[in-house]
Amino acid sequence: MFGLFKKKDKETEAAAQPAPEREEHPELREFARQFDPEELDILAVTGPRGLAGGRLPDSALWTASIGVTAWMEEDGPVHREAADLVVLGDDRLLDYFRRRVPRNFIVKVRARRDASGAPRFLLVNLPEPAFDPELKAIAEEQKTPVTFQSDDLGEFALNRSLGLFQGETDWLGEPVRLEFEQDEDREACLGRLRALLAAREDWDRRVREFAADRMLDQAAGWDAGETEAEPLPLTRESFLDRLTLDAVQMSADGAFTFWFSDAVMLWPHSVRVTGRLDAGPEAAGTEEELSEA
């Protein structure tokens, strides 16, 4: 499925070599059916979020994507729109992409369009470095810091890799990040954050107690698995003491997420509590559990 760079090196050749019976792999054939058979050469600017992917169930293969913020066919107009370069590959191939295709970078690829019209391209060969003046300007623009100042909440800076505006505030004597997604209504998010901060003592108590009610037994199991010695009983009070608030993420509609870590650094999981300003806490669990819900 993959070609080679014109200028070959050992790493490139190794990554591009097909896995045994790659062309006959049923998962690859099924995946490729989602894309038009016609191949085209495109130049694209990789986005700030890097490589993303997940392993297929009961498979050694990964579905991976590289987000791009602009692309063009050779000698064609620039399409300034988000799209994904996608590939199905093994660990070696993904490691190659992770190390050799950086963020905010111009690449040239041969690809096939998504047959449904979705903004996706199936990679037919390995990306190679490329140059175009207009795409170069877009790549440089993506590196420029983006900040804004709130009179009462301070400065917020865009974390491009996460797509979040982030600031910092005092939370009962400790620094805590305030976050909201860059595409959200900024003033609405700031207004919701102000409402929450005005009652931070009450929210801190409610959210922590909600987490304790639902996660105490689970967290006791984490303690038991982290030490060979007999673990001390994890009481409700010790659970609450170990929760360190790292960040509060807010949405324009009042949905929130509280992110906690373990102050003693023994637990292997972070703790999330989600809810709404008008309804209170609604769910608590590890990041993995709430992401899958």
Protein backbone atom coordinates (compact mmCIF):
# COMPACT_ATOMS: atom_id res chain seq x y z
CA MET A 1 0.00 0.00 0.00
CA PHE A 2 2.91 2.32 0.53
CA GLY A 3 5.51 3.65 -1.86
CA LEU A 4 8.91 5.02 -0.95
CA PHE A 5 10.51 8.41 -0.73
CA LYS A 6 12.59 9.25 -3.76
CA LYS A 7 15.53 9.66 -1.44
CA LYS A 8 15.63 6.41 0.48
CA ASP A 9 17.22 5.63 3.82
CA LYS A 10 17.11 2.49 5.93
CA GLU A 11 14.37 3.77 8.22
CA THR A 12 12.18 4.82 5.30
CA GLU A 13 12.57 1.51 3.55
CA ALA A 14 11.83 -0.42 6.76
CA ALA A 15 8.67 1.58 7.47
CA ALA A 16 7.47 1.24 3.90
CA GLN A 17 7.96 -2.49 3.65
CA PRO A 18 4.59 -4.23 3.75
CA ALA A 19 3.82 -6.50 6.64
CA PRO A 20 3.52 -10.15 5.65
CA GLU A 21 0.61 -10.51 3.23
CA ARG A 22 -0.23 -6.80 3.75
CA GLU A 23 -2.01 -6.56 0.41
CA GLU A 24 -4.14 -9.59 1.30
CA HIS A 25 -4.98 -8.38 4.79
CA PRO A 26 -8.80 -8.31 5.01
CA GLU A 27 -8.80 -5.30 7.36
CA LEU A 28 -6.76 -3.30 4.88
CA ARG A 29 -9.03 -4.23 1.99
CA GLU A 30 -12.14 -3.34 3.95
CA PHE A 31 -10.62 -0.05 5.13
CA ALA A 32 -9.57 0.92 1.60
CA ARG A 33 -13.15 0.45 0.31
CA GLN A 34 -14.10 3.65 2.11
CA PHE A 35 -12.03 5.67 -0.36
CA ASP A 36 -12.20 6.44 -4.08
CA PRO A 37 -9.80 4.42 -6.24
CA GLU A 38 -8.40 7.52 -7.98
CA GLU A 39 -5.06 8.69 -6.59
CA LEU A 40 -3.95 12.32 -6.46
CA ASP A 41 -0.84 14.14 -5.30
CA ILE A 42 -1.48 16.76 -2.63
CA LEU A 43 0.55 19.12 -0.47
CA ALA A 44 -0.74 19.73 3.05
CA VAL A 45 0.11 21.60 6.24
CA THR A 46 0.07 19.37 9.31
CA GLY A 47 -1.86 20.76 12.26
CA PRO A 48 -0.73 21.44 15.84
CA ARG A 49 -2.19 18.27 17.38
CA GLY A 50 0.14 15.67 15.89
CA LEU A 51 -0.56 12.00 15.24
CA ALA A 52 -3.70 10.42 16.70
CA GLY A 53 -4.83 6.84 16.49
CA GLY A 54 -6.33 3.76 18.04
CA ARG A 55 -5.84 0.04 17.71
CA LEU A 56 -8.57 -1.99 16.07
CA PRO A 57 -10.14 -4.63 18.36
CA ASP A 58 -8.24 -7.94 18.30
CA SER A 59 -5.78 -6.58 15.73
CA ALA A 60 -2.10 -5.67 15.52
CA LEU A 61 -3.01 -2.77 13.23
CA TRP A 62 -3.72 0.82 14.17
CA THR A 63 -5.97 3.36 12.51
CA ALA A 64 -3.98 6.59 12.60
CA SER A 65 -4.64 10.10 11.39
CA ILE A 66 -2.59 13.23 10.89
CA GLY A 67 -4.69 16.37 11.02
CA VAL A 68 -4.01 19.01 8.38
CA THR A 69 -5.24 22.60 8.36
CA ALA A 70 -4.81 23.34 4.64
CA TRP A 71 -4.13 21.33 1.50
CA MET A 72 -3.85 21.69 -2.25
CA GLU A 73 -3.40 19.58 -5.31
CA GLU A 74 -0.17 20.35 -7.12
CA ASP A 75 -0.55 23.66 -8.99
CA GLY A 76 -4.10 23.98 -7.63
CA PRO A 77 -5.77 26.41 -5.23
CA VAL A 78 -5.23 26.13 -1.47
CA HIS A 79 -8.16 24.65 0.46
CA ARG A 80 -7.96 26.16 3.91
CA GLU A 81 -10.01 23.57 5.73
CA ALA A 82 -9.39 20.89 8.29
CA ALA A 83 -8.89 17.37 7.00
CA ASP A 84 -7.22 14.12 8.04
CA LEU A 85 -4.56 12.02 6.37
CA VAL A 86 -5.38 8.49 7.50
CA VAL A 87 -3.55 5.20 7.40
CA LEU A 88 -3.93 1.66 8.69
CA GLY A 89 -0.60 0.29 9.86
CA ASP A 90 1.45 -1.54 12.44
CA ASP A 91 3.55 -0.21 15.33
CA ARG A 92 6.61 0.36 13.15
CA LEU A 93 4.73 2.47 10.64
CA LEU A 94 3.07 4.58 13.31
CA ASP A 95 6.38 5.14 15.05
CA TYR A 96 7.77 6.39 11.75
CA PHE A 97 4.94 8.91 11.34
CA ARG A 98 5.24 10.05 14.94
CA ARG A 99 8.95 10.85 14.60
CA ARG A 100 9.21 11.98 10.99
CA VAL A 101 6.02 13.99 10.37
CA PRO A 102 6.10 16.92 12.82
CA ARG A 103 3.42 19.45 13.59
CA ASN A 104 3.16 22.65 11.51
CA PHE A 105 4.99 21.02 8.62
CA ILE A 106 4.40 20.82 4.87
CA VAL A 107 4.20 17.34 3.39
CA LYS A 108 3.57 15.89 -0.04
CA VAL A 109 1.57 12.67 -0.27
CA ARG A 110 -0.24 10.51 -2.77
CA ALA A 111 -3.72 9.90 -1.46
CA ARG A 112 -7.30 8.83 -2.18
CA ARG A 113 -10.37 10.86 -1.23
CA ASP A 114 -12.98 9.58 1.19
CA ALA A 115 -15.80 8.19 -0.95
CA SER A 116 -18.46 9.71 1.33
CA GLY A 117 -17.12 13.22 0.86
CA ALA A 118 -15.81 13.45 4.43
CA PRO A 119 -12.59 15.49 4.77
CA ARG A 120 -10.29 12.47 4.82
CA PHE A 121 -7.54 11.17 2.55
CA LEU A 122 -6.15 7.64 2.60
CA LEU A 123 -2.36 7.71 2.33
CA VAL A 124 -1.00 5.65 -0.53
CA ASN A 125 2.66 6.41 0.16
CA LEU A 126 4.78 7.82 2.94
CA PRO A 127 4.71 11.62 3.34
CA GLU A 128 7.76 13.52 2.16
CA PRO A 129 8.79 17.11 2.99
CA ALA A 130 7.54 19.74 0.54
CA PHE A 131 7.40 23.50 0.06
CA ASP A 132 4.86 26.02 -1.15
CA PRO A 133 4.97 29.74 -0.23
CA GLU A 134 1.28 30.00 0.65
CA LEU A 135 1.33 26.82 2.73
CA LYS A 136 4.55 27.98 4.41
CA ALA A 137 2.78 31.17 5.53
CA ILE A 138 -0.05 29.09 7.02
CA ALA A 139 2.41 26.85 8.86
CA GLU A 140 4.18 29.88 10.35
CA GLU A 141 0.86 31.45 11.35
CA GLN A 142 0.03 28.31 13.32
CA LYS A 143 3.14 28.79 15.45
CA THR A 144 2.19 32.33 16.49
CA PRO A 145 1.01 32.52 20.13
CA VAL A 146 -2.65 33.45 20.61
CA THR A 147 -3.63 35.10 23.89
CA PHE A 148 -6.32 37.36 25.27
CA GLN A 149 -6.75 39.23 28.54
CA SER A 150 -9.79 39.07 30.80
CA ASP A 151 -10.05 41.94 33.26
CA ASP A 152 -11.00 39.71 36.19
CA LEU A 153 -9.75 36.24 35.16
CA GLY A 154 -6.35 37.20 33.77
CA GLU A 155 -4.60 36.01 30.63
CA PHE A 156 -5.65 33.02 28.57
CA ALA A 157 -3.35 31.40 26.01
CA LEU A 158 -4.31 28.98 23.26
CA ASN A 159 -2.85 25.51 23.68
CA ARG A 160 -2.98 24.55 20.00
CA SER A 161 -2.12 20.89 20.57
CA LEU A 162 -5.21 20.49 22.78
CA GLY A 163 -7.43 23.08 21.10
CA LEU A 164 -8.00 24.78 24.47
CA PHE A 165 -7.70 28.29 25.82
CA GLN A 166 -6.02 27.99 29.22
CA GLY A 167 -5.61 30.41 32.10
CA GLU A 168 -4.84 30.13 35.80
CA THR A 169 -6.62 31.23 38.95
CA ASP A 170 -6.46 30.81 42.69
CA TRP A 171 -8.64 27.98 43.98
CA LEU A 172 -8.82 27.98 47.77
CA GLY A 173 -5.15 28.90 48.04
CA GLU A 174 -3.85 26.69 45.22
CA PRO A 175 -3.27 27.46 41.51
CA VAL A 176 -5.73 25.78 39.13
CA ARG A 177 -6.02 25.89 35.33
CA LEU A 178 -9.18 27.24 33.74
CA GLU A 179 -9.92 25.85 30.28
CA PHE A 180 -12.43 26.01 27.47
CA GLU A 181 -12.35 24.83 23.87
CA GLN A 182 -11.16 27.36 21.31
CA ASP A 183 -14.28 26.95 19.16
CA GLU A 184 -16.67 27.65 22.04
CA ASP A 185 -18.36 31.00 22.60
CA ARG A 186 -15.61 32.79 24.55
CA GLU A 187 -17.77 35.25 26.48
CA ALA A 188 -20.27 32.56 27.41
CA CYS A 189 -17.49 30.31 28.75
CA LEU A 190 -15.97 33.16 30.75
CA GLY A 191 -19.37 34.00 32.21
CA ARG A 192 -19.90 30.38 33.29
CA LEU A 193 -16.44 30.29 34.85
CA ARG A 194 -17.19 33.46 36.82
CA ALA A 195 -20.39 31.91 38.16
CA LEU A 196 -18.53 28.79 39.26
CA LEU A 197 -15.66 30.72 40.84
CA ALA A 198 -18.06 32.91 42.80
CA ALA A 199 -19.15 29.75 44.68
CA ARG A 200 -15.88 27.81 44.51
CA GLU A 201 -15.97 26.66 48.14
CA ASP A 202 -19.37 25.06 47.66
CA TRP A 203 -18.41 23.53 44.29
CA ASP A 204 -15.16 22.17 45.68
CA ARG A 205 -17.01 20.37 48.46
CA ARG A 206 -19.80 19.05 46.22
CA VAL A 207 -17.51 17.73 43.51
CA ARG A 208 -15.07 16.04 45.90
CA GLU A 209 -17.83 14.38 47.92
CA PHE A 210 -19.49 13.19 44.72
CA ALA A 211 -16.19 11.58 43.62
CA ALA A 212 -15.77 9.92 47.01
CA ASP A 213 -19.29 8.51 46.96
CA ARG A 214 -18.71 6.82 43.61
CA MET A 215 -15.01 5.98 43.53
CA LEU A 216 -13.80 5.15 47.04
CA ASP A 217 -13.84 1.36 46.61
CA GLN A 218 -12.25 1.59 43.18
CA ALA A 219 -9.44 3.84 44.44
CA ALA A 220 -8.75 1.44 47.31
CA GLY A 221 -8.03 -1.20 44.68
CA TRP A 222 -5.49 1.12 43.02
CA ASP A 223 -3.67 1.43 46.34
CA ALA A 224 -3.60 -2.33 46.76
CA GLY A 225 -2.10 -2.79 43.33
CA GLU A 226 0.65 -0.19 43.72
CA THR A 227 2.56 -1.64 46.67
CA GLU A 228 3.77 -5.05 47.80
CA ALA A 229 3.17 -4.13 51.44
CA GLU A 230 -0.25 -4.43 53.03
CA PRO A 231 -1.99 -1.17 52.07
CA LEU A 232 -3.44 1.08 54.71
CA PRO A 233 -7.22 1.26 54.55
CA LEU A 234 -8.29 4.08 52.23
CA THR A 235 -10.85 6.03 54.21
CA ARG A 236 -13.23 8.61 52.82
CA GLU A 237 -11.16 11.32 54.50
CA SER A 238 -7.85 10.11 53.05
CA PHE A 239 -9.41 9.81 49.61
CA LEU A 240 -10.57 13.44 49.79
CA ASP A 241 -7.16 14.58 51.06
CA ARG A 242 -5.36 12.93 48.17
CA LEU A 243 -7.43 14.56 45.45
CA THR A 244 -5.51 17.51 43.98
CA LEU A 245 -7.50 19.73 41.65
CA ASP A 246 -5.51 20.44 38.49
CA ALA A 247 -8.02 22.04 36.12
CA VAL A 248 -11.61 23.05 35.55
CA GLN A 249 -12.87 22.90 31.97
CA MET A 250 -16.04 24.80 31.10
CA SER A 251 -18.43 24.83 28.14
CA ALA A 252 -20.62 27.68 26.96
CA ASP A 253 -23.77 25.78 27.99
CA GLY A 254 -22.56 25.29 31.57
CA ALA A 255 -21.22 21.74 31.28
CA PHE A 256 -18.01 21.32 33.29
CA THR A 257 -15.23 18.86 33.98
CA PHE A 258 -13.09 18.89 37.13
CA TRP A 259 -9.71 17.18 36.64
CA PHE A 260 -8.01 15.73 39.74
CA SER A 261 -4.69 13.98 40.27
CA ASP A 262 -3.33 12.07 43.26
CA ALA A 263 -1.36 14.26 45.66
CA VAL A 264 0.66 11.23 46.83
CA MET A 265 1.32 10.07 43.23
CA LEU A 266 0.44 6.42 43.88
CA TRP A 267 -2.69 6.09 41.81
CA PRO A 268 -2.24 5.16 38.14
CA HIS A 269 -5.31 7.12 37.04
CA SER A 270 -6.52 10.70 37.04
CA VAL A 271 -10.03 11.38 38.33
CA ARG A 272 -12.66 13.33 36.43
CA VAL A 273 -15.97 14.68 37.66
CA THR A 274 -18.40 15.99 35.06
CA GLY A 275 -21.66 17.84 35.47
CA ARG A 276 -23.53 21.05 34.84
CA LEU A 277 -23.85 24.32 36.69
CA ASP A 278 -27.64 23.99 36.79
CA ALA A 279 -27.65 20.32 37.86
CA GLY A 280 -24.49 19.71 39.83
CA PRO A 281 -22.06 16.76 39.50
CA GLU A 282 -23.39 13.94 37.32
CA ALA A 283 -20.57 11.43 36.70
CA ALA A 284 -17.22 10.52 38.23
CA GLY A 285 -14.55 8.12 37.05
CA THR A 286 -11.14 7.79 35.49
CA GLU A 287 -10.35 9.56 32.26
CA GLU A 288 -10.58 6.25 30.39
CA GLU A 289 -13.97 5.37 31.85
CA LEU A 290 -15.64 8.69 31.11
CA SER A 291 -14.10 8.85 27.62
CA GLU A 292 -15.66 5.50 26.77
CA ALA A 293 -19.06 6.34 28.29
